Amino acid sequence: MSTVTTLGVTGMTCANCVAHVTEELEKIDGVEQVMTVLEEGGESEVTVFSDEPLDEDALRAAVAEAGDDYAVASVEIQPDALAAQQAEQAPARQAAHDHAARDGDAG
């Protein structure tokens, strides 16, 4: 199972901020990878990949430990991210299949 947790983090303004937050999040057991989209002056998107869902309090504590200016404004957890991604893509796959079937019938 693959879990994707997306944190909205405020207070991050530079690559150094990203490095501090990433370092603290990577200390949490189960964290495999951390990716950040920095939004200077706004809410940065920090995506945490893990095999299992992570404890939200531990994530918040890690961000707070990274620096006094950082705060978690939002948390979104997708426990089975692969299944969620496949479900989102299903309508497009079905439409492509239907289109191919129609094209095959035209000949």
PDB file of N, CA and C in Angstrom:
ATOM      1  N   MET A   1       0.849  -1.181   0.000  1.00  0.00           N
ATOM      2  CA  MET A   1       0.000   0.000   0.000  1.00  0.00           C
ATOM      3  C   MET A   1       0.889   1.237   0.000  1.00  0.00           C
ATOM      4  N   SER A   2       0.469   2.254  -0.689  1.00  0.00           N
ATOM      5  CA  SER A   2       1.221   3.497  -0.768  1.00  0.00           C
ATOM      6  C   SER A   2       0.348   4.632  -0.258  1.00  0.00           C
ATOM      7  N   THR A   3       0.888   5.415   0.662  1.00  0.00           N
ATOM      8  CA  THR A   3       0.147   6.532   1.228  1.00  0.00           C
ATOM      9  C   THR A   3       0.814   7.837   0.838  1.00  0.00           C
ATOM     10  N   VAL A   4       0.000   8.796   0.439  1.00  0.00           N
ATOM     11  CA  VAL A   4       0.490  10.131   0.131  1.00  0.00           C
ATOM     12  C   VAL A   4      -0.197  11.097   1.086  1.00  0.00           C
ATOM     13  N   THR A   5       0.608  11.836   1.839  1.00  0.00           N
ATOM     14  CA  THR A   5       0.091  12.836   2.763  1.00  0.00           C
ATOM     15  C   THR A   5       0.550  14.196   2.272  1.00  0.00           C
ATOM     16  N   THR A   6      -0.402  15.101   2.078  1.00  0.00           N
ATOM     17  CA  THR A   6      -0.081  16.442   1.607  1.00  0.00           C
ATOM     18  C   THR A   6      -0.324  17.431   2.734  1.00  0.00           C
ATOM     19  N   LEU A   7       0.719  18.167   3.078  1.00  0.00           N
ATOM     20  CA  LEU A   7       0.639  19.173   4.129  1.00  0.00           C
ATOM     21  C   LEU A   7       0.680  20.557   3.501  1.00  0.00           C
ATOM     22  N   GLY A   8      -0.184  21.430   3.955  1.00  0.00           N
ATOM     23  CA  GLY A   8      -0.095  22.836   3.602  1.00  0.00           C
ATOM     24  C   GLY A   8       0.691  23.509   4.711  1.00  0.00           C
ATOM     25  N   VAL A   9       1.890  23.995   4.406  1.00  0.00           N
ATOM     26  CA  VAL A   9       2.773  24.551   5.430  1.00  0.00           C
ATOM     27  C   VAL A   9       2.995  26.038   5.168  1.00  0.00           C
ATOM     28  N   THR A  10       2.772  26.845   6.199  1.00  0.00           N
ATOM     29  CA  THR A  10       3.006  28.283   6.101  1.00  0.00           C
ATOM     30  C   THR A  10       4.357  28.630   6.722  1.00  0.00           C
ATOM     31  N   GLY A  11       4.905  29.768   6.321  1.00  0.00           N
ATOM     32  CA  GLY A  11       6.137  30.271   6.915  1.00  0.00           C
ATOM     33  C   GLY A  11       7.403  29.892   6.178  1.00  0.00           C
ATOM     34  N   MET A  12       7.297  29.078   5.152  1.00  0.00           N
ATOM     35  CA  MET A  12       8.479  28.672   4.384  1.00  0.00           C
ATOM     36  C   MET A  12       8.729  29.709   3.286  1.00  0.00           C
ATOM     37  N   THR A  13       9.967  30.219   3.220  1.00  0.00           N
ATOM     38  CA  THR A  13      10.253  31.281   2.261  1.00  0.00           C
ATOM     39  C   THR A  13      11.430  31.000   1.333  1.00  0.00           C
ATOM     40  N   CYS A  14      12.171  29.914   1.592  1.00  0.00           N
ATOM     41  CA  CYS A  14      13.374  29.687   0.788  1.00  0.00           C
ATOM     42  C   CYS A  14      13.751  28.204   0.779  1.00  0.00           C
ATOM     43  N   ALA A  15      14.773  27.879  -0.002  1.00  0.00           N
ATOM     44  CA  ALA A  15      15.244  26.496  -0.097  1.00  0.00           C
ATOM     45  C   ALA A  15      15.768  25.987   1.243  1.00  0.00           C
ATOM     46  N   ASN A  16      16.330  26.869   2.050  1.00  0.00           N
ATOM     47  CA  ASN A  16      16.813  26.483   3.371  1.00  0.00           C
ATOM     48  C   ASN A  16      15.642  26.032   4.253  1.00  0.00           C
ATOM     49  N   CYS A  17      14.517  26.735   4.150  1.00  0.00           N
ATOM     50  CA  CYS A  17      13.308  26.348   4.892  1.00  0.00           C
ATOM     51  C   CYS A  17      12.874  24.944   4.474  1.00  0.00           C
ATOM     52  N   VAL A  18      12.862  24.711   3.173  1.00  0.00           N
ATOM     53  CA  VAL A  18      12.481  23.403   2.638  1.00  0.00           C
ATOM     54  C   VAL A  18      13.401  22.326   3.202  1.00  0.00           C
ATOM     55  N   ALA A  19      14.700  22.598   3.236  1.00  0.00           N
ATOM     56  CA  ALA A  19      15.664  21.626   3.745  1.00  0.00           C
ATOM     57  C   ALA A  19      15.409  21.300   5.212  1.00  0.00           C
ATOM     58  N   HIS A  20      15.110  22.324   6.032  1.00  0.00           N
ATOM     59  CA  HIS A  20      14.850  22.097   7.459  1.00  0.00           C
ATOM     60  C   HIS A  20      13.600  21.245   7.664  1.00  0.00           C
ATOM     61  N   VAL A  21      12.531  21.584   6.963  1.00  0.00           N
ATOM     62  CA  VAL A  21      11.277  20.836   7.108  1.00  0.00           C
ATOM     63  C   VAL A  21      11.458  19.405   6.606  1.00  0.00           C
ATOM     64  N   THR A  22      12.106  19.252   5.462  1.00  0.00           N
ATOM     65  CA  THR A  22      12.340  17.916   4.902  1.00  0.00           C
ATOM     66  C   THR A  22      13.149  17.061   5.866  1.00  0.00           C
ATOM     67  N   GLU A  23      14.195  17.624   6.429  1.00  0.00           N
ATOM     68  CA  GLU A  23      15.060  16.888   7.359  1.00  0.00           C
ATOM     69  C   GLU A  23      14.267  16.373   8.560  1.00  0.00           C
ATOM     70  N   GLU A  24      13.405  17.212   9.119  1.00  0.00           N
ATOM     71  CA  GLU A  24      12.620  16.795  10.286  1.00  0.00           C
ATOM     72  C   GLU A  24      11.577  15.743   9.916  1.00  0.00           C
ATOM     73  N   LEU A  25      10.920  15.913   8.771  1.00  0.00           N
ATOM     74  CA  LEU A  25       9.908  14.937   8.353  1.00  0.00           C
ATOM     75  C   LEU A  25      10.539  13.580   8.060  1.00  0.00           C
ATOM     76  N   GLU A  26      11.741  13.576   7.498  1.00  0.00           N
ATOM     77  CA  GLU A  26      12.406  12.313   7.167  1.00  0.00           C
ATOM     78  C   GLU A  26      12.827  11.525   8.404  1.00  0.00           C
ATOM     79  N   LYS A  27      12.805  12.155   9.573  1.00  0.00           N
ATOM     80  CA  LYS A  27      13.122  11.464  10.828  1.00  0.00           C
ATOM     81  C   LYS A  27      11.964  10.591  11.312  1.00  0.00           C
ATOM     82  N   ILE A  28      10.771  10.807  10.781  1.00  0.00           N
ATOM     83  CA  ILE A  28       9.590  10.046  11.194  1.00  0.00           C
ATOM     84  C   ILE A  28       9.670   8.647  10.601  1.00  0.00           C
ATOM     85  N   ASP A  29       9.466   7.640  11.449  1.00  0.00           N
ATOM     86  CA  ASP A  29       9.469   6.252  10.977  1.00  0.00           C
ATOM     87  C   ASP A  29       8.423   6.063   9.891  1.00  0.00           C
ATOM     88  N   GLY A  30       8.829   5.455   8.797  1.00  0.00           N
ATOM     89  CA  GLY A  30       7.909   5.148   7.712  1.00  0.00           C
ATOM     90  C   GLY A  30       7.948   6.124   6.556  1.00  0.00           C
ATOM     91  N   VAL A  31       8.540   7.301   6.761  1.00  0.00           N
ATOM     92  CA  VAL A  31       8.624   8.281   5.678  1.00  0.00           C
ATOM     93  C   VAL A  31       9.646   7.802   4.656  1.00  0.00           C
ATOM     94  N   GLU A  32       9.207   7.722   3.402  1.00  0.00           N
ATOM     95  CA  GLU A  32      10.084   7.271   2.322  1.00  0.00           C
ATOM     96  C   GLU A  32      10.665   8.434   1.525  1.00  0.00           C
ATOM     97  N   GLN A  33       9.848   9.462   1.299  1.00  0.00           N
ATOM     98  CA  GLN A  33      10.279  10.584   0.469  1.00  0.00           C
ATOM     99  C   GLN A  33       9.457  11.808   0.827  1.00  0.00           C
ATOM    100  N   VAL A  34      10.076  12.985   0.698  1.00  0.00           N
ATOM    101  CA  VAL A  34       9.395  14.257   0.937  1.00  0.00           C
ATOM    102  C   VAL A  34       9.664  15.155  -0.268  1.00  0.00           C
ATOM    103  N   MET A  35       8.599  15.733  -0.813  1.00  0.00           N
ATOM    104  CA  MET A  35       8.722  16.673  -1.935  1.00  0.00           C
ATOM    105  C   MET A  35       7.977  17.950  -1.565  1.00  0.00           C
ATOM    106  N   THR A  36       8.537  19.102  -1.941  1.00  0.00           N
ATOM    107  CA  THR A  36       7.934  20.380  -1.571  1.00  0.00           C
ATOM    108  C   THR A  36       7.804  21.293  -2.779  1.00  0.00           C
ATOM    109  N   VAL A  37       6.638  21.931  -2.867  1.00  0.00           N
ATOM    110  CA  VAL A  37       6.421  23.009  -3.831  1.00  0.00           C
ATOM    111  C   VAL A  37       6.359  24.282  -2.993  1.00  0.00           C
ATOM    112  N   LEU A  38       7.400  25.094  -3.079  1.00  0.00           N
ATOM    113  CA  LEU A  38       7.525  26.296  -2.265  1.00  0.00           C
ATOM    114  C   LEU A  38       6.658  27.418  -2.816  1.00  0.00           C
ATOM    115  N   GLU A  39       5.821  27.964  -1.967  1.00  0.00           N
ATOM    116  CA  GLU A  39       4.993  29.123  -2.310  1.00  0.00           C
ATOM    117  C   GLU A  39       5.400  30.241  -1.364  1.00  0.00           C
ATOM    118  N   GLU A  40       6.320  31.075  -1.809  1.00  0.00           N
ATOM    119  CA  GLU A  40       6.824  32.146  -0.959  1.00  0.00           C
ATOM    120  C   GLU A  40       5.696  33.090  -0.568  1.00  0.00           C
ATOM    121  N   GLY A  41       5.533  33.294   0.729  1.00  0.00           N
ATOM    122  CA  GLY A  41       4.498  34.181   1.233  1.00  0.00           C
ATOM    123  C   GLY A  41       3.128  33.535   1.299  1.00  0.00           C
ATOM    124  N   GLY A  42       3.044  32.256   0.980  1.00  0.00           N
ATOM    125  CA  GLY A  42       1.764  31.561   1.017  1.00  0.00           C
ATOM    126  C   GLY A  42       1.899  30.206   1.665  1.00  0.00           C
ATOM    127  N   GLU A  43       1.016  29.323   1.287  1.00  0.00           N
ATOM    128  CA  GLU A  43       0.995  27.973   1.846  1.00  0.00           C
ATOM    129  C   GLU A  43       1.737  27.029   0.899  1.00  0.00           C
ATOM    130  N   SER A  44       2.893  26.551   1.332  1.00  0.00           N
ATOM    131  CA  SER A  44       3.674  25.615   0.521  1.00  0.00           C
ATOM    132  C   SER A  44       3.070  24.227   0.617  1.00  0.00           C
ATOM    133  N   GLU A  45       3.196  23.462  -0.462  1.00  0.00           N
ATOM    134  CA  GLU A  45       2.663  22.099  -0.494  1.00  0.00           C
ATOM    135  C   GLU A  45       3.800  21.113  -0.255  1.00  0.00           C
ATOM    136  N   VAL A  46       3.713  20.403   0.877  1.00  0.00           N
ATOM    137  CA  VAL A  46       4.721  19.413   1.239  1.00  0.00           C
ATOM    138  C   VAL A  46       4.069  18.041   1.118  1.00  0.00           C
ATOM    139  N   THR A  47       4.583  17.210   0.228  1.00  0.00           N
ATOM    140  CA  THR A  47       4.027  15.882  -0.012  1.00  0.00           C
ATOM    141  C   THR A  47       4.951  14.846   0.606  1.00  0.00           C
ATOM    142  N   VAL A  48       4.361  13.996   1.453  1.00  0.00           N
ATOM    143  CA  VAL A  48       5.120  12.975   2.172  1.00  0.00           C
ATOM    144  C   VAL A  48       4.641  11.609   1.695  1.00  0.00           C
ATOM    145  N   PHE A  49       5.567  10.784   1.228  1.00  0.00           N
ATOM    146  CA  PHE A  49       5.250   9.443   0.747  1.00  0.00           C
ATOM    147  C   PHE A  49       5.650   8.422   1.807  1.00  0.00           C
ATOM    148  N   SER A  50       4.763   7.441   2.033  1.00  0.00           N
ATOM    149  CA  SER A  50       5.026   6.393   3.017  1.00  0.00           C
ATOM    150  C   SER A  50       4.257   5.141   2.627  1.00  0.00           C
ATOM    151  N   ASP A  51       4.650   4.002   3.224  1.00  0.00           N
ATOM    152  CA  ASP A  51       3.929   2.753   2.961  1.00  0.00           C
ATOM    153  C   ASP A  51       2.581   2.727   3.661  1.00  0.00           C
ATOM    154  N   GLU A  52       2.533   3.282   4.858  1.00  0.00           N
ATOM    155  CA  GLU A  52       1.329   3.278   5.685  1.00  0.00           C
ATOM    156  C   GLU A  52       0.972   4.712   6.063  1.00  0.00           C
ATOM    157  N   PRO A  53      -0.285   4.945   6.462  1.00  0.00           N
ATOM    158  CA  PRO A  53      -0.646   6.285   6.932  1.00  0.00           C
ATOM    159  C   PRO A  53       0.231   6.694   8.122  1.00  0.00           C
ATOM    160  N   LEU A  54       0.603   7.959   8.158  1.00  0.00           N
ATOM    161  CA  LEU A  54       1.447   8.495   9.220  1.00  0.00           C
ATOM    162  C   LEU A  54       0.598   9.227  10.248  1.00  0.00           C
ATOM    163  N   ASP A  55       1.120   9.325  11.459  1.00  0.00           N
ATOM    164  CA  ASP A  55       0.429  10.020  12.539  1.00  0.00           C
ATOM    165  C   ASP A  55       0.456  11.532  12.274  1.00  0.00           C
ATOM    166  N   GLU A  56      -0.723  12.128  12.210  1.00  0.00           N
ATOM    167  CA  GLU A  56      -0.817  13.553  11.891  1.00  0.00           C
ATOM    168  C   GLU A  56      -0.113  14.405  12.941  1.00  0.00           C
ATOM    169  N   ASP A  57      -0.227  14.027  14.216  1.00  0.00           N
ATOM    170  CA  ASP A  57       0.440  14.794  15.273  1.00  0.00           C
ATOM    171  C   ASP A  57       1.959  14.756  15.106  1.00  0.00           C
ATOM    172  N   ALA A  58       2.491  13.609  14.689  1.00  0.00           N
ATOM    173  CA  ALA A  58       3.938  13.488  14.472  1.00  0.00           C
ATOM    174  C   ALA A  58       4.381  14.383  13.317  1.00  0.00           C
ATOM    175  N   LEU A  59       3.565  14.458  12.269  1.00  0.00           N
ATOM    176  CA  LEU A  59       3.883  15.325  11.130  1.00  0.00           C
ATOM    177  C   LEU A  59       3.895  16.791  11.558  1.00  0.00           C
ATOM    178  N   ARG A  60       2.868  17.180  12.308  1.00  0.00           N
ATOM    179  CA  ARG A  60       2.783  18.566  12.790  1.00  0.00           C
ATOM    180  C   ARG A  60       3.964  18.899  13.711  1.00  0.00           C
ATOM    181  N   ALA A  61       4.315  17.957  14.583  1.00  0.00           N
ATOM    182  CA  ALA A  61       5.427  18.176  15.512  1.00  0.00           C
ATOM    183  C   ALA A  61       6.749  18.324  14.761  1.00  0.00           C
ATOM    184  N   ALA A  62       6.936  17.532  13.711  1.00  0.00           N
ATOM    185  CA  ALA A  62       8.169  17.605  12.928  1.00  0.00           C
ATOM    186  C   ALA A  62       8.295  18.957  12.241  1.00  0.00           C
ATOM    187  N   VAL A  63       7.197  19.454  11.692  1.00  0.00           N
ATOM    188  CA  VAL A  63       7.221  20.763  11.032  1.00  0.00           C
ATOM    189  C   VAL A  63       7.524  21.852  12.059  1.00  0.00           C
ATOM    190  N   ALA A  64       6.902  21.770  13.226  1.00  0.00           N
ATOM    191  CA  ALA A  64       7.157  22.756  14.279  1.00  0.00           C
ATOM    192  C   ALA A  64       8.608  22.696  14.751  1.00  0.00           C
ATOM    193  N   GLU A  65       9.159  21.494  14.831  1.00  0.00           N
ATOM    194  CA  GLU A  65      10.552  21.306  15.250  1.00  0.00           C
ATOM    195  C   GLU A  65      11.524  21.928  14.243  1.00  0.00           C
ATOM    196  N   ALA A  66      11.128  21.972  12.986  1.00  0.00           N
ATOM    197  CA  ALA A  66      11.991  22.519  11.934  1.00  0.00           C
ATOM    198  C   ALA A  66      12.221  24.015  12.103  1.00  0.00           C
ATOM    199  N   GLY A  67      11.280  24.706  12.731  1.00  0.00           N
ATOM    200  CA  GLY A  67      11.440  26.144  12.937  1.00  0.00           C
ATOM    201  C   GLY A  67      10.177  26.774  13.476  1.00  0.00           C
ATOM    202  N   ASP A  68      10.356  27.832  14.279  1.00  0.00           N
ATOM    203  CA  ASP A  68       9.218  28.495  14.920  1.00  0.00           C
ATOM    204  C   ASP A  68       8.280  29.164  13.928  1.00  0.00           C
ATOM    205  N   ASP A  69       8.783  29.493  12.745  1.00  0.00           N
ATOM    206  CA  ASP A  69       7.969  30.202  11.759  1.00  0.00           C
ATOM    207  C   ASP A  69       7.065  29.283  10.952  1.00  0.00           C
ATOM    208  N   TYR A  70       7.272  27.976  11.051  1.00  0.00           N
ATOM    209  CA  TYR A  70       6.536  27.030  10.219  1.00  0.00           C
ATOM    210  C   TYR A  70       5.319  26.489  10.958  1.00  0.00           C
ATOM    211  N   ALA A  71       4.215  26.352  10.231  1.00  0.00           N
ATOM    212  CA  ALA A  71       2.997  25.786  10.810  1.00  0.00           C
ATOM    213  C   ALA A  71       2.246  24.999   9.745  1.00  0.00           C
ATOM    214  N   VAL A  72       1.628  23.905  10.169  1.00  0.00           N
ATOM    215  CA  VAL A  72       0.811  23.098   9.261  1.00  0.00           C
ATOM    216  C   VAL A  72      -0.587  23.697   9.239  1.00  0.00           C
ATOM    217  N   ALA A  73      -1.005  24.177   8.075  1.00  0.00           N
ATOM    218  CA  ALA A  73      -2.320  24.791   7.924  1.00  0.00           C
ATOM    219  C   ALA A  73      -3.372  23.778   7.484  1.00  0.00           C
ATOM    220  N   SER A  74      -2.931  22.717   6.779  1.00  0.00           N
ATOM    221  CA  SER A  74      -3.886  21.713   6.303  1.00  0.00           C
ATOM    222  C   SER A  74      -3.183  20.376   6.121  1.00  0.00           C
ATOM    223  N   VAL A  75      -3.974  19.298   6.229  1.00  0.00           N
ATOM    224  CA  VAL A  75      -3.454  17.942   6.047  1.00  0.00           C
ATOM    225  C   VAL A  75      -4.454  17.162   5.210  1.00  0.00           C
ATOM    226  N   GLU A  76      -3.959  16.511   4.160  1.00  0.00           N
ATOM    227  CA  GLU A  76      -4.796  15.622   3.342  1.00  0.00           C
ATOM    228  C   GLU A  76      -4.065  14.291   3.225  1.00  0.00           C
ATOM    229  N   ILE A  77      -4.741  13.218   3.638  1.00  0.00           N
ATOM    230  CA  ILE A  77      -4.132  11.896   3.621  1.00  0.00           C
ATOM    231  C   ILE A  77      -4.866  11.013   2.625  1.00  0.00           C
ATOM    232  N   GLN A  78      -4.113  10.410   1.707  1.00  0.00           N
ATOM    233  CA  GLN A  78      -4.656   9.421   0.775  1.00  0.00           C
ATOM    234  C   GLN A  78      -4.024   8.087   1.144  1.00  0.00           C
ATOM    235  N   PRO A  79      -4.763   7.244   1.919  1.00  0.00           N
ATOM    236  CA  PRO A  79      -4.182   5.993   2.415  1.00  0.00           C
ATOM    237  C   PRO A  79      -3.767   5.022   1.323  1.00  0.00           C
ATOM    238  N   ASP A  80      -4.501   4.932   0.251  1.00  0.00           N
ATOM    239  CA  ASP A  80      -4.112   4.042  -0.837  1.00  0.00           C
ATOM    240  C   ASP A  80      -4.021   4.887  -2.095  1.00  0.00           C
ATOM    241  N   ALA A  81      -2.933   5.614  -2.200  1.00  0.00           N
ATOM    242  CA  ALA A  81      -2.779   6.603  -3.264  1.00  0.00           C
ATOM    243  C   ALA A  81      -2.830   5.985  -4.652  1.00  0.00           C
ATOM    244  N   LEU A  82      -2.290   4.789  -4.810  1.00  0.00           N
ATOM    245  CA  LEU A  82      -2.305   4.138  -6.120  1.00  0.00           C
ATOM    246  C   LEU A  82      -3.737   3.853  -6.552  1.00  0.00           C
ATOM    247  N   ALA A  83      -4.544   3.333  -5.644  1.00  0.00           N
ATOM    248  CA  ALA A  83      -5.946   3.053  -5.962  1.00  0.00           C
ATOM    249  C   ALA A  83      -6.694   4.346  -6.274  1.00  0.00           C
ATOM    250  N   ALA A  84      -6.405   5.402  -5.517  1.00  0.00           N
ATOM    251  CA  ALA A  84      -7.061   6.685  -5.761  1.00  0.00           C
ATOM    252  C   ALA A  84      -6.678   7.234  -7.131  1.00  0.00           C
ATOM    253  N   GLN A  85      -5.409   7.117  -7.481  1.00  0.00           N
ATOM    254  CA  GLN A  85      -4.945   7.592  -8.786  1.00  0.00           C
ATOM    255  C   GLN A  85      -5.605   6.803  -9.911  1.00  0.00           C
ATOM    256  N   GLN A  86      -5.698   5.500  -9.753  1.00  0.00           N
ATOM    257  CA  GLN A  86      -6.325   4.676 -10.776  1.00  0.00           C
ATOM    258  C   GLN A  86      -7.803   5.011 -10.915  1.00  0.00           C
ATOM    259  N   ALA A  87      -8.471   5.278  -9.800  1.00  0.00           N
ATOM    260  CA  ALA A  87      -9.887   5.636  -9.844  1.00  0.00           C
ATOM    261  C   ALA A  87     -10.084   6.963 -10.576  1.00  0.00           C
ATOM    262  N   GLU A  88      -9.180   7.921 -10.338  1.00  0.00           N
ATOM    263  CA  GLU A  88      -9.266   9.209 -11.020  1.00  0.00           C
ATOM    264  C   GLU A  88      -9.054   9.058 -12.521  1.00  0.00           C
ATOM    265  N   GLN A  89      -8.192   8.133 -12.912  1.00  0.00           N
ATOM    266  CA  GLN A  89      -7.865   7.952 -14.321  1.00  0.00           C
ATOM    267  C   GLN A  89      -8.852   7.046 -15.047  1.00  0.00           C
ATOM    268  N   ALA A  90      -9.698   6.338 -14.327  1.00  0.00           N
ATOM    269  CA  ALA A  90     -10.613   5.375 -14.938  1.00  0.00           C
ATOM    270  C   ALA A  90     -11.516   5.996 -16.008  1.00  0.00           C
ATOM    271  N   PRO A  91     -12.156   7.157 -15.758  1.00  0.00           N
ATOM    272  CA  PRO A  91     -13.010   7.729 -16.809  1.00  0.00           C
ATOM    273  C   PRO A  91     -12.242   8.027 -18.099  1.00  0.00           C
ATOM    274  N   ALA A  92     -11.021   8.519 -17.988  1.00  0.00           N
ATOM    275  CA  ALA A  92     -10.225   8.815 -19.185  1.00  0.00           C
ATOM    276  C   ALA A  92      -9.857   7.530 -19.918  1.00  0.00           C
ATOM    277  N   ARG A  93      -9.505   6.483 -19.159  1.00  0.00           N
ATOM    278  CA  ARG A  93      -9.177   5.200 -19.792  1.00  0.00           C
ATOM    279  C   ARG A  93     -10.406   4.632 -20.492  1.00  0.00           C
ATOM    280  N   GLN A  94     -11.574   4.758 -19.854  1.00  0.00           N
ATOM    281  CA  GLN A  94     -12.801   4.240 -20.446  1.00  0.00           C
ATOM    282  C   GLN A  94     -13.136   5.005 -21.719  1.00  0.00           C
ATOM    283  N   ALA A  95     -12.975   6.328 -21.691  1.00  0.00           N
ATOM    284  CA  ALA A  95     -13.258   7.141 -22.879  1.00  0.00           C
ATOM    285  C   ALA A  95     -12.317   6.763 -24.019  1.00  0.00           C
ATOM    286  N   ALA A  96     -11.047   6.548 -23.714  1.00  0.00           N
ATOM    287  CA  ALA A  96     -10.083   6.143 -24.746  1.00  0.00           C
ATOM    288  C   ALA A  96     -10.452   4.780 -25.310  1.00  0.00           C
ATOM    289  N   HIS A  97     -10.884   3.885 -24.450  1.00  0.00           N
ATOM    290  CA  HIS A  97     -11.290   2.544 -24.881  1.00  0.00           C
ATOM    291  C   HIS A  97     -12.510   2.643 -25.791  1.00  0.00           C
ATOM    292  N   ASP A  98     -13.500   3.440 -25.369  1.00  0.00           N
ATOM    293  CA  ASP A  98     -14.713   3.608 -26.169  1.00  0.00           C
ATOM    294  C   ASP A  98     -14.392   4.223 -27.528  1.00  0.00           C
ATOM    295  N   HIS A  99     -13.491   5.206 -27.536  1.00  0.00           N
ATOM    296  CA  HIS A  99     -13.102   5.863 -28.785  1.00  0.00           C
ATOM    297  C   HIS A  99     -12.411   4.861 -29.717  1.00  0.00           C
ATOM    298  N   ALA A 100     -11.526   4.057 -29.169  1.00  0.00           N
ATOM    299  CA  ALA A 100     -10.819   3.052 -29.971  1.00  0.00           C
ATOM    300  C   ALA A 100     -11.799   2.019 -30.520  1.00  0.00           C
ATOM    301  N   ALA A 101     -12.783   1.640 -29.716  1.00  0.00           N
ATOM    302  CA  ALA A 101     -13.775   0.660 -30.162  1.00  0.00           C
ATOM    303  C   ALA A 101     -14.611   1.233 -31.307  1.00  0.00           C
ATOM    304  N   ARG A 102     -14.992   2.516 -31.192  1.00  0.00           N
ATOM    305  CA  ARG A 102     -15.764   3.156 -32.266  1.00  0.00           C
ATOM    306  C   ARG A 102     -14.938   3.241 -33.539  1.00  0.00           C
ATOM    307  N   ASP A 103     -13.656   3.597 -33.410  1.00  0.00           N
ATOM    308  CA  ASP A 103     -12.785   3.688 -34.582  1.00  0.00           C
ATOM    309  C   ASP A 103     -12.634   2.328 -35.247  1.00  0.00           C
ATOM    310  N   GLY A 104     -12.572   1.281 -34.444  1.00  0.00           N
ATOM    311  CA  GLY A 104     -12.449  -0.076 -34.980  1.00  0.00           C
ATOM    312  C   GLY A 104     -13.697  -0.500 -35.726  1.00  0.00           C
ATOM    313  N   ASP A 105     -14.873  -0.036 -35.271  1.00  0.00           N
ATOM    314  CA  ASP A 105     -16.136  -0.383 -35.922  1.00  0.00           C
ATOM    315  C   ASP A 105     -16.323   0.373 -37.232  1.00  0.00           C
ATOM    316  N   ALA A 106     -15.643   1.518 -37.379  1.00  0.00           N
ATOM    317  CA  ALA A 106     -15.836   2.354 -38.565  1.00  0.00           C
ATOM    318  C   ALA A 106     -15.223   1.726 -39.815  1.00  0.00           C
ATOM    319  N   GLY A 107     -14.242   0.828 -39.651  1.00  0.00           N
ATOM    320  CA  GLY A 107     -13.527   0.296 -40.805  1.00  0.00           C
ATOM    321  C   GLY A 107     -14.170  -0.836 -41.405  1.00  0.00           C
TER     322      GLY A 107
END
